Amino acid sequence: MPFKKGKVIPFDVKKREVMKLKRHGMGNAEIAKLLNMGKGEIELIIRTGDGSVS
């Protein structure tokens, strides 16, 4: 589900989509491009495991 540029997507929605795509074997760069997000943002979400930030 690619997101439209300029549209604000809640973080929890992005987080779920990133984790789902990663579980399906996509690489970080691929996910970043598909979701119009930075690779660093993808890596941060994945590093936190479930995406939660305490």
N, C-alpha and C. Protein backbone atom coordinates (compact mmCIF):
# COMPACT_ATOMS: atom_id res chain seq x y z
N MET A 1 0.85 -1.17 0.00
CA MET A 1 0.00 0.00 0.00
C MET A 1 0.89 1.24 0.00
N PRO A 2 1.35 1.69 -1.15
CA PRO A 2 2.17 2.90 -1.22
C PRO A 2 1.36 4.11 -0.77
N PHE A 3 2.02 5.02 -0.09
CA PHE A 3 1.36 6.21 0.41
C PHE A 3 1.56 7.35 -0.57
N LYS A 4 0.56 8.24 -0.66
CA LYS A 4 0.66 9.38 -1.55
C LYS A 4 1.58 10.43 -0.95
N LYS A 5 2.39 11.04 -1.81
CA LYS A 5 3.28 12.11 -1.35
C LYS A 5 2.46 13.27 -0.81
N GLY A 6 2.94 13.85 0.28
CA GLY A 6 2.28 15.01 0.86
C GLY A 6 1.19 14.67 1.85
N LYS A 7 0.78 13.42 1.90
CA LYS A 7 -0.26 13.02 2.83
C LYS A 7 0.40 12.60 4.15
N VAL A 8 -0.13 13.07 5.26
CA VAL A 8 0.42 12.72 6.56
C VAL A 8 -0.17 11.38 6.99
N ILE A 9 0.72 10.42 7.22
CA ILE A 9 0.32 9.08 7.63
C ILE A 9 0.73 8.89 9.09
N PRO A 10 -0.18 8.49 9.96
CA PRO A 10 0.18 8.28 11.36
C PRO A 10 1.33 7.28 11.49
N PHE A 11 2.20 7.52 12.46
CA PHE A 11 3.39 6.69 12.63
C PHE A 11 3.03 5.22 12.85
N ASP A 12 1.99 4.93 13.62
CA ASP A 12 1.67 3.53 13.89
C ASP A 12 1.26 2.79 12.62
N VAL A 13 0.65 3.49 11.67
CA VAL A 13 0.28 2.87 10.40
C VAL A 13 1.55 2.56 9.60
N LYS A 14 2.47 3.52 9.55
CA LYS A 14 3.75 3.31 8.86
C LYS A 14 4.50 2.15 9.49
N LYS A 15 4.54 2.14 10.81
CA LYS A 15 5.27 1.12 11.55
C LYS A 15 4.75 -0.27 11.22
N ARG A 16 3.45 -0.44 11.23
CA ARG A 16 2.86 -1.75 10.92
C ARG A 16 3.20 -2.18 9.49
N GLU A 17 3.12 -1.23 8.56
CA GLU A 17 3.41 -1.55 7.16
C GLU A 17 4.88 -1.92 6.98
N VAL A 18 5.78 -1.18 7.61
CA VAL A 18 7.22 -1.48 7.53
C VAL A 18 7.49 -2.88 8.06
N MET A 19 6.96 -3.20 9.22
CA MET A 19 7.22 -4.50 9.83
C MET A 19 6.62 -5.63 8.98
N LYS A 20 5.45 -5.41 8.38
CA LYS A 20 4.82 -6.42 7.53
C LYS A 20 5.69 -6.68 6.30
N LEU A 21 6.15 -5.61 5.65
CA LEU A 21 6.97 -5.76 4.45
C LEU A 21 8.30 -6.43 4.78
N LYS A 22 8.89 -6.10 5.92
CA LYS A 22 10.15 -6.72 6.33
C LYS A 22 9.96 -8.21 6.57
N ARG A 23 8.85 -8.58 7.22
CA ARG A 23 8.56 -10.00 7.45
C ARG A 23 8.39 -10.77 6.14
N HIS A 24 7.95 -10.06 5.10
CA HIS A 24 7.76 -10.68 3.79
C HIS A 24 9.05 -10.69 2.98
N GLY A 25 10.15 -10.27 3.60
CA GLY A 25 11.46 -10.39 2.97
C GLY A 25 11.96 -9.20 2.17
N MET A 26 11.27 -8.07 2.23
CA MET A 26 11.73 -6.90 1.50
C MET A 26 12.92 -6.26 2.20
N GLY A 27 13.81 -5.67 1.42
CA GLY A 27 14.96 -4.96 1.97
C GLY A 27 14.59 -3.55 2.41
N ASN A 28 15.45 -2.96 3.23
CA ASN A 28 15.19 -1.62 3.76
C ASN A 28 15.04 -0.57 2.66
N ALA A 29 15.92 -0.60 1.67
CA ALA A 29 15.86 0.38 0.59
C ALA A 29 14.57 0.23 -0.22
N GLU A 30 14.17 -1.02 -0.44
CA GLU A 30 12.93 -1.29 -1.18
C GLU A 30 11.72 -0.75 -0.42
N ILE A 31 11.70 -1.00 0.89
CA ILE A 31 10.59 -0.53 1.74
C ILE A 31 10.55 0.99 1.74
N ALA A 32 11.71 1.61 1.90
CA ALA A 32 11.79 3.08 1.93
C ALA A 32 11.22 3.67 0.64
N LYS A 33 11.59 3.11 -0.49
CA LYS A 33 11.11 3.63 -1.77
C LYS A 33 9.61 3.42 -1.91
N LEU A 34 9.14 2.25 -1.55
CA LEU A 34 7.72 1.92 -1.69
C LEU A 34 6.84 2.83 -0.82
N LEU A 35 7.31 3.13 0.40
CA LEU A 35 6.51 3.90 1.34
C LEU A 35 6.86 5.39 1.37
N ASN A 36 7.76 5.82 0.47
CA ASN A 36 8.20 7.22 0.43
C ASN A 36 8.74 7.67 1.79
N MET A 37 9.61 6.86 2.36
CA MET A 37 10.23 7.15 3.65
C MET A 37 11.74 7.07 3.48
N GLY A 38 12.47 7.66 4.42
CA GLY A 38 13.92 7.57 4.38
C GLY A 38 14.41 6.21 4.87
N LYS A 39 15.57 5.78 4.33
CA LYS A 39 16.13 4.50 4.77
C LYS A 39 16.43 4.52 6.26
N GLY A 40 16.87 5.65 6.79
CA GLY A 40 17.17 5.76 8.21
C GLY A 40 15.92 5.56 9.07
N GLU A 41 14.81 6.08 8.59
CA GLU A 41 13.55 5.91 9.32
C GLU A 41 13.13 4.43 9.33
N ILE A 42 13.32 3.76 8.20
CA ILE A 42 13.00 2.33 8.10
C ILE A 42 13.90 1.55 9.07
N GLU A 43 15.20 1.84 9.05
CA GLU A 43 16.15 1.15 9.92
C GLU A 43 15.82 1.36 11.39
N LEU A 44 15.42 2.56 11.75
CA LEU A 44 15.05 2.85 13.13
C LEU A 44 13.84 2.03 13.56
N ILE A 45 12.83 1.99 12.73
CA ILE A 45 11.62 1.21 13.04
C ILE A 45 11.98 -0.27 13.21
N ILE A 46 12.79 -0.79 12.31
CA ILE A 46 13.15 -2.21 12.38
C ILE A 46 14.01 -2.50 13.60
N ARG A 47 14.95 -1.60 13.92
CA ARG A 47 15.83 -1.80 15.08
C ARG A 47 15.05 -1.84 16.38
N THR A 48 13.96 -1.12 16.45
CA THR A 48 13.19 -1.11 17.70
C THR A 48 12.32 -2.35 17.83
N GLY A 49 12.41 -3.23 16.84
CA GLY A 49 11.67 -4.49 16.93
C GLY A 49 10.22 -4.33 16.54
N ASP A 50 9.39 -4.07 17.50
CA ASP A 50 7.96 -3.91 17.21
C ASP A 50 7.63 -2.48 16.81
N GLY A 51 8.64 -1.62 16.78
CA GLY A 51 8.43 -0.25 16.35
C GLY A 51 8.06 0.70 17.47
N SER A 52 7.89 0.20 18.67
CA SER A 52 7.51 1.09 19.76
C SER A 52 8.72 1.86 20.27
N VAL A 53 8.50 3.09 20.65
CA VAL A 53 9.55 3.93 21.18
C VAL A 53 9.18 4.25 22.62
N SER A 54 10.11 3.96 23.53
CA SER A 54 9.78 4.23 24.95
C SER A 54 10.39 5.52 25.42
